[in-house]
N, C-alpha and C. Protein backbone atom coordinates (compact mmCIF):
# COMPACT_ATOMS: atom_id res chain seq x y z
N UNK A 1 -48.14 -44.46 328.95
CA UNK A 1 -46.87 -44.03 329.48
C UNK A 1 -46.51 -44.78 330.76
N UNK A 2 -47.50 -45.13 331.56
CA UNK A 2 -47.20 -45.81 332.81
C UNK A 2 -47.44 -47.32 332.74
N UNK A 3 -48.21 -47.77 331.77
CA UNK A 3 -48.56 -49.19 331.71
C UNK A 3 -47.52 -50.03 330.98
N UNK A 4 -46.89 -49.48 329.98
CA UNK A 4 -45.95 -50.25 329.17
C UNK A 4 -44.51 -50.02 329.61
N UNK A 5 -43.65 -51.02 329.46
CA UNK A 5 -42.23 -50.81 329.77
C UNK A 5 -41.62 -49.85 328.75
N UNK A 6 -40.54 -49.21 329.15
CA UNK A 6 -39.81 -48.36 328.22
C UNK A 6 -39.02 -49.23 327.26
N UNK A 7 -38.74 -48.73 326.06
CA UNK A 7 -37.96 -49.51 325.10
C UNK A 7 -36.61 -49.92 325.70
N UNK A 8 -36.21 -51.17 325.52
CA UNK A 8 -34.97 -51.64 326.14
C UNK A 8 -33.73 -51.30 325.31
N UNK A 9 -32.58 -51.53 325.95
CA UNK A 9 -31.27 -51.51 325.29
C UNK A 9 -30.84 -50.14 324.79
N UNK A 10 -31.14 -49.11 325.55
CA UNK A 10 -30.64 -47.77 325.24
C UNK A 10 -29.61 -47.36 326.28
N UNK A 11 -28.70 -46.49 325.89
CA UNK A 11 -27.64 -46.03 326.78
C UNK A 11 -28.07 -44.85 327.64
N UNK A 12 -29.07 -44.08 327.17
CA UNK A 12 -29.51 -42.88 327.88
C UNK A 12 -31.02 -42.75 327.77
N UNK A 13 -31.63 -42.36 328.88
CA UNK A 13 -33.02 -41.91 328.88
C UNK A 13 -33.02 -40.46 329.32
N UNK A 14 -33.66 -39.59 328.54
CA UNK A 14 -33.77 -38.18 328.87
C UNK A 14 -35.22 -37.88 329.22
N UNK A 15 -35.42 -37.43 330.45
CA UNK A 15 -36.71 -36.89 330.87
C UNK A 15 -36.51 -35.38 330.93
N UNK A 16 -37.14 -34.63 330.03
CA UNK A 16 -37.01 -33.18 330.02
C UNK A 16 -38.36 -32.56 330.30
N UNK A 17 -38.48 -31.94 331.44
CA UNK A 17 -39.72 -31.29 331.87
C UNK A 17 -40.89 -32.28 331.89
N UNK A 18 -40.64 -33.46 332.44
CA UNK A 18 -41.65 -34.52 332.54
C UNK A 18 -42.00 -34.79 333.99
N UNK A 19 -41.00 -35.03 334.82
CA UNK A 19 -41.26 -35.52 336.17
C UNK A 19 -42.01 -34.51 337.03
N UNK A 20 -41.88 -33.21 336.73
CA UNK A 20 -42.57 -32.22 337.55
C UNK A 20 -44.10 -32.28 337.41
N UNK A 21 -44.60 -32.97 336.42
CA UNK A 21 -46.05 -33.08 336.23
C UNK A 21 -46.70 -34.18 337.05
N UNK A 22 -45.90 -34.98 337.75
CA UNK A 22 -46.43 -36.19 338.37
C UNK A 22 -46.13 -36.25 339.86
N UNK A 23 -47.00 -36.97 340.57
CA UNK A 23 -46.79 -37.22 341.99
C UNK A 23 -45.73 -38.28 342.21
N UNK A 24 -45.38 -38.48 343.46
CA UNK A 24 -44.29 -39.39 343.79
C UNK A 24 -44.50 -40.81 343.28
N UNK A 25 -45.69 -41.42 343.41
CA UNK A 25 -45.83 -42.79 342.90
C UNK A 25 -45.53 -42.91 341.40
N UNK A 26 -45.98 -41.94 340.61
CA UNK A 26 -45.74 -41.98 339.17
C UNK A 26 -44.27 -41.72 338.85
N UNK A 27 -43.63 -40.80 339.57
CA UNK A 27 -42.21 -40.53 339.34
C UNK A 27 -41.39 -41.78 339.66
N UNK A 28 -41.71 -42.42 340.78
CA UNK A 28 -41.00 -43.65 341.13
C UNK A 28 -41.20 -44.73 340.06
N UNK A 29 -42.42 -44.80 339.52
CA UNK A 29 -42.70 -45.78 338.47
C UNK A 29 -41.86 -45.49 337.22
N UNK A 30 -41.77 -44.22 336.83
CA UNK A 30 -40.97 -43.86 335.66
C UNK A 30 -39.49 -44.14 335.88
N UNK A 31 -38.98 -43.83 337.06
CA UNK A 31 -37.57 -44.09 337.35
C UNK A 31 -37.28 -45.58 337.36
N UNK A 32 -38.18 -46.37 337.92
CA UNK A 32 -38.00 -47.83 337.93
C UNK A 32 -38.06 -48.40 336.52
N UNK A 33 -38.98 -47.88 335.70
CA UNK A 33 -39.07 -48.35 334.32
C UNK A 33 -37.80 -48.00 333.54
N UNK A 34 -37.26 -46.83 333.80
CA UNK A 34 -36.02 -46.45 333.14
C UNK A 34 -34.89 -47.38 333.57
N UNK A 35 -34.78 -47.64 334.86
CA UNK A 35 -33.72 -48.52 335.37
C UNK A 35 -33.82 -49.90 334.72
N UNK A 36 -35.03 -50.43 334.62
CA UNK A 36 -35.24 -51.76 334.04
C UNK A 36 -34.85 -51.81 332.57
N UNK A 37 -35.06 -50.71 331.85
CA UNK A 37 -34.86 -50.72 330.40
C UNK A 37 -33.45 -50.32 329.97
N UNK A 38 -32.75 -49.55 330.79
CA UNK A 38 -31.41 -49.11 330.40
C UNK A 38 -30.43 -50.26 330.35
N UNK A 39 -29.45 -50.15 329.47
CA UNK A 39 -28.36 -51.12 329.46
C UNK A 39 -27.50 -50.89 330.70
N UNK A 40 -26.79 -51.92 331.18
CA UNK A 40 -25.87 -51.70 332.29
C UNK A 40 -24.86 -50.60 331.94
N UNK A 41 -24.68 -49.68 332.88
CA UNK A 41 -23.81 -48.53 332.64
C UNK A 41 -24.53 -47.36 331.99
N UNK A 42 -25.82 -47.54 331.65
CA UNK A 42 -26.59 -46.48 331.01
C UNK A 42 -26.94 -45.36 331.97
N UNK A 43 -27.30 -44.22 331.41
CA UNK A 43 -27.57 -43.02 332.18
C UNK A 43 -29.00 -42.56 332.06
N UNK A 44 -29.54 -42.06 333.14
CA UNK A 44 -30.80 -41.33 333.15
C UNK A 44 -30.44 -39.86 333.36
N UNK A 45 -31.04 -38.98 332.55
CA UNK A 45 -30.85 -37.54 332.69
C UNK A 45 -32.23 -36.92 332.87
N UNK A 46 -32.40 -36.20 333.97
CA UNK A 46 -33.64 -35.46 334.21
C UNK A 46 -33.33 -33.97 334.12
N UNK A 47 -33.81 -33.34 333.03
CA UNK A 47 -33.63 -31.90 332.85
C UNK A 47 -34.94 -31.23 333.22
N UNK A 48 -34.88 -30.34 334.20
CA UNK A 48 -36.12 -29.77 334.72
C UNK A 48 -35.80 -28.57 335.60
N UNK A 49 -36.82 -28.03 336.23
CA UNK A 49 -36.67 -27.00 337.25
C UNK A 49 -36.63 -27.72 338.59
N UNK A 50 -35.47 -27.76 339.22
CA UNK A 50 -35.30 -28.47 340.49
C UNK A 50 -35.09 -27.49 341.63
N UNK A 51 -35.69 -27.77 342.75
CA UNK A 51 -35.38 -27.02 343.97
C UNK A 51 -34.04 -27.51 344.51
N UNK A 52 -33.37 -26.66 345.26
CA UNK A 52 -32.12 -27.10 345.86
C UNK A 52 -32.38 -28.11 346.98
N UNK A 53 -31.34 -28.68 347.50
CA UNK A 53 -31.45 -29.75 348.50
C UNK A 53 -32.25 -29.30 349.73
N UNK A 54 -32.09 -28.04 350.15
CA UNK A 54 -32.78 -27.53 351.34
C UNK A 54 -34.19 -27.04 351.03
N UNK A 55 -34.59 -27.08 349.77
CA UNK A 55 -35.89 -26.59 349.31
C UNK A 55 -36.08 -25.11 349.61
N UNK A 56 -35.01 -24.33 349.50
CA UNK A 56 -35.08 -22.90 349.74
C UNK A 56 -34.98 -22.07 348.46
N UNK A 57 -34.94 -22.69 347.33
CA UNK A 57 -34.85 -21.92 346.10
C UNK A 57 -34.37 -22.77 344.95
N UNK A 58 -34.20 -22.13 343.91
CA UNK A 58 -34.26 -20.71 343.67
C UNK A 58 -35.71 -20.20 343.73
N UNK A 59 -35.87 -18.89 343.92
CA UNK A 59 -37.20 -18.31 344.02
C UNK A 59 -38.05 -18.59 342.78
N UNK A 60 -37.53 -18.38 341.55
CA UNK A 60 -38.38 -18.68 340.38
C UNK A 60 -38.83 -20.15 340.32
N UNK A 61 -37.98 -21.06 340.74
CA UNK A 61 -38.36 -22.48 340.74
C UNK A 61 -39.40 -22.74 341.82
N UNK A 62 -39.25 -22.13 342.98
CA UNK A 62 -40.25 -22.29 344.05
C UNK A 62 -41.60 -21.74 343.60
N UNK A 63 -41.60 -20.60 342.92
CA UNK A 63 -42.86 -20.03 342.41
C UNK A 63 -43.49 -20.95 341.37
N UNK A 64 -42.67 -21.50 340.49
CA UNK A 64 -43.16 -22.43 339.48
C UNK A 64 -43.74 -23.68 340.14
N UNK A 65 -43.10 -24.14 341.20
CA UNK A 65 -43.58 -25.32 341.91
C UNK A 65 -44.97 -25.08 342.49
N UNK A 66 -45.22 -23.89 343.02
CA UNK A 66 -46.55 -23.56 343.54
C UNK A 66 -47.59 -23.65 342.44
N UNK A 67 -47.27 -23.12 341.27
CA UNK A 67 -48.18 -23.20 340.12
C UNK A 67 -48.46 -24.66 339.75
N UNK A 68 -47.40 -25.48 339.71
CA UNK A 68 -47.57 -26.89 339.37
C UNK A 68 -48.45 -27.61 340.39
N UNK A 69 -48.23 -27.34 341.68
CA UNK A 69 -49.03 -27.99 342.72
C UNK A 69 -50.50 -27.59 342.63
N UNK A 70 -50.75 -26.40 342.11
CA UNK A 70 -52.13 -25.95 341.93
C UNK A 70 -52.80 -26.61 340.73
N UNK A 71 -52.01 -26.93 339.69
CA UNK A 71 -52.56 -27.35 338.40
C UNK A 71 -52.32 -28.80 338.03
N UNK A 72 -51.40 -29.48 338.71
CA UNK A 72 -51.05 -30.86 338.35
C UNK A 72 -50.87 -31.67 339.63
N UNK A 73 -50.71 -32.98 339.52
CA UNK A 73 -50.36 -33.78 340.70
C UNK A 73 -48.90 -33.60 341.12
N UNK A 74 -48.12 -32.86 340.33
CA UNK A 74 -46.69 -32.77 340.55
C UNK A 74 -46.25 -31.50 341.24
N UNK A 75 -44.93 -31.28 341.17
CA UNK A 75 -44.27 -30.12 341.76
C UNK A 75 -42.83 -30.11 341.24
N UNK A 76 -42.09 -29.08 341.56
CA UNK A 76 -40.66 -29.09 341.28
C UNK A 76 -39.99 -29.91 342.38
N UNK A 77 -39.38 -30.99 341.99
CA UNK A 77 -38.75 -31.89 342.95
C UNK A 77 -37.40 -31.31 343.38
N UNK A 78 -37.06 -31.52 344.62
CA UNK A 78 -35.75 -31.07 345.10
C UNK A 78 -34.69 -32.09 344.72
N UNK A 79 -33.45 -31.65 344.76
CA UNK A 79 -32.33 -32.55 344.48
C UNK A 79 -32.33 -33.72 345.46
N UNK A 80 -32.64 -33.44 346.71
CA UNK A 80 -32.67 -34.51 347.72
C UNK A 80 -33.78 -35.51 347.47
N UNK A 81 -34.97 -35.02 347.11
CA UNK A 81 -36.09 -35.92 346.85
C UNK A 81 -35.81 -36.83 345.67
N UNK A 82 -35.37 -36.25 344.56
CA UNK A 82 -35.09 -37.07 343.38
C UNK A 82 -33.89 -37.98 343.62
N UNK A 83 -32.89 -37.48 344.33
CA UNK A 83 -31.73 -38.31 344.65
C UNK A 83 -32.14 -39.55 345.42
N UNK A 84 -33.02 -39.39 346.40
CA UNK A 84 -33.49 -40.54 347.19
C UNK A 84 -34.29 -41.51 346.32
N UNK A 85 -35.13 -40.98 345.45
CA UNK A 85 -35.92 -41.86 344.58
C UNK A 85 -35.02 -42.60 343.59
N UNK A 86 -34.00 -41.92 343.07
CA UNK A 86 -33.06 -42.58 342.17
C UNK A 86 -32.28 -43.66 342.90
N UNK A 87 -31.85 -43.37 344.11
CA UNK A 87 -31.16 -44.40 344.92
C UNK A 87 -32.07 -45.60 345.13
N UNK A 88 -33.32 -45.34 345.49
CA UNK A 88 -34.27 -46.43 345.73
C UNK A 88 -34.49 -47.28 344.48
N UNK A 89 -34.43 -46.65 343.30
CA UNK A 89 -34.62 -47.37 342.04
C UNK A 89 -33.39 -48.18 341.65
N UNK A 90 -32.24 -47.93 342.31
CA UNK A 90 -31.03 -48.68 342.02
C UNK A 90 -29.93 -47.90 341.33
N UNK A 91 -30.19 -46.64 341.01
CA UNK A 91 -29.18 -45.83 340.31
C UNK A 91 -28.05 -45.44 341.26
N UNK A 92 -26.89 -45.18 340.67
CA UNK A 92 -25.70 -44.74 341.42
C UNK A 92 -25.13 -43.49 340.73
N UNK A 93 -24.10 -42.93 341.34
CA UNK A 93 -23.40 -41.78 340.77
C UNK A 93 -24.35 -40.63 340.44
N UNK A 94 -25.29 -40.37 341.33
CA UNK A 94 -26.25 -39.28 341.12
C UNK A 94 -25.51 -37.95 341.24
N UNK A 95 -25.67 -37.10 340.23
CA UNK A 95 -24.99 -35.80 340.20
C UNK A 95 -25.93 -34.74 339.67
N UNK A 96 -25.65 -33.50 340.02
CA UNK A 96 -26.45 -32.37 339.62
C UNK A 96 -25.60 -31.39 338.81
N UNK A 97 -26.19 -30.83 337.76
CA UNK A 97 -25.50 -29.83 336.94
C UNK A 97 -26.48 -28.69 336.65
N UNK A 98 -26.04 -27.47 336.86
CA UNK A 98 -26.83 -26.31 336.49
C UNK A 98 -26.84 -26.20 334.97
N UNK A 99 -27.97 -25.79 334.40
CA UNK A 99 -28.02 -25.56 332.95
C UNK A 99 -28.30 -24.08 332.72
N UNK A 100 -29.47 -23.69 332.27
CA UNK A 100 -29.77 -22.28 332.01
C UNK A 100 -31.20 -21.97 332.44
N UNK A 101 -31.46 -20.71 332.71
CA UNK A 101 -32.83 -20.30 332.99
C UNK A 101 -33.43 -20.97 334.21
N UNK A 102 -32.69 -21.05 335.30
CA UNK A 102 -33.16 -21.70 336.53
C UNK A 102 -33.50 -23.17 336.33
N UNK A 103 -32.87 -23.78 335.38
CA UNK A 103 -33.06 -25.22 335.14
C UNK A 103 -31.77 -25.94 335.49
N UNK A 104 -31.89 -27.25 335.65
CA UNK A 104 -30.73 -28.07 335.96
C UNK A 104 -30.94 -29.47 335.44
N UNK A 105 -29.89 -30.25 335.49
CA UNK A 105 -29.96 -31.64 335.07
C UNK A 105 -29.48 -32.51 336.22
N UNK A 106 -30.21 -33.56 336.48
CA UNK A 106 -29.77 -34.58 337.43
C UNK A 106 -29.42 -35.80 336.61
N UNK A 107 -28.22 -36.31 336.83
CA UNK A 107 -27.73 -37.48 336.11
C UNK A 107 -27.58 -38.64 337.09
N UNK A 108 -27.91 -39.83 336.62
CA UNK A 108 -27.76 -41.02 337.45
C UNK A 108 -27.44 -42.20 336.54
N UNK A 109 -26.58 -43.09 337.03
CA UNK A 109 -26.10 -44.21 336.22
C UNK A 109 -26.63 -45.54 336.76
N UNK A 110 -27.00 -46.42 335.82
CA UNK A 110 -27.35 -47.79 336.17
C UNK A 110 -26.04 -48.57 336.33
N UNK A 111 -25.82 -49.22 337.46
CA UNK A 111 -24.55 -49.95 337.64
C UNK A 111 -24.39 -51.01 336.55
N UNK A 112 -23.15 -51.35 336.31
CA UNK A 112 -22.97 -52.42 335.37
C UNK A 112 -21.68 -52.42 334.73
């Protein structure tokens, strides 16, 4: 998963409940691999349990993040943390959308 490039020439990459399992170096590697493989104008969508920008909630997501930090190298990433990593990888138009069950989607576009 980390050694090989992602398949090229796709319009969208969906990470659903993936990034929370990994520490920052691995998340940055996955975001960079996605950026390299997406077509210009392509989108990355991260569907997961995200903390808000201030890292104050929601409470169920914060509780889940504690469990993840105990059991994995990862955690529930905040909107600010992932936004910064997406910016660093080269993505633009980063946006957040609430979904269901204390989950959300972060969308980011590869310029082009």
